Amino acid sequence: MLENMHRLLEKIDSLEKSFSGLAPKKNRRQQQTFANAMHEATKQNVSETAITASPTTELSKSLKTDLDALIDKYSKQHSIEPEVIRQLILVASNNDPKAVSANGNLGLMQLKPNIFADSGKNDPFDPEQNISVGTQHLSSMLQRNGGNLPLALAAYNTDPATVKRFGGVPPFADTQGFVGQILSGLGKTDK
């Protein structure tokens, strides 16, 4: 299975290189406003002023209290500092329980669908299920990487085989950004 994963990663790298000339079109799409995207998707006008939520919207106090309790519960269960989980959630999903990444990662801890499915849980958008599975997965990555937090975070973001293949944090901008932002939020700058 790991051999197939390596071949798949090499194929993805090859495809990314072959499509590198399409970057200006991608950038144009990334600059598109939420209202325009909603209009295109629904063919209904959505005014910019009608959109009240933003990625930096503060969590409601009750949701923040609930999340803090869940983070404390599962971080204690898996012997991980709660602040690590808080930072991971902030960086991964900006505290949005309904977040879905472009890669299809789900919920607060941006779990890969196969990792969530393997857990036996059924709702990746349920904060408790997501934090339970995500914290257990991070704990597993810490164990596989001898307690090295940067390597565990990189494995969480990519996969253990990729971290092993590169002998450290892979040279992917998104993975390095993910690891760097979490470590920075924790007041740690070493990788």
Foldseek 3Di string as FASTA:
>chain_A
DLVVVVVVVVVVVVVCVVCVVCVVVVVVVVPDDPQVVCCVVPVDGDDPVNDDDDLQDDDDPVLVVVLLVLLVVQCVVLVHPSLLLVQQLCLVAVVQLQDADPQGQHGSNRADVVQLVVVVDDDCSPSNSVSNSNSVQLSVLCVVVVNPNLRSQLCRVPNNSQCVVVVHRDPDPVSVVSSQSSCVSVVHRDD
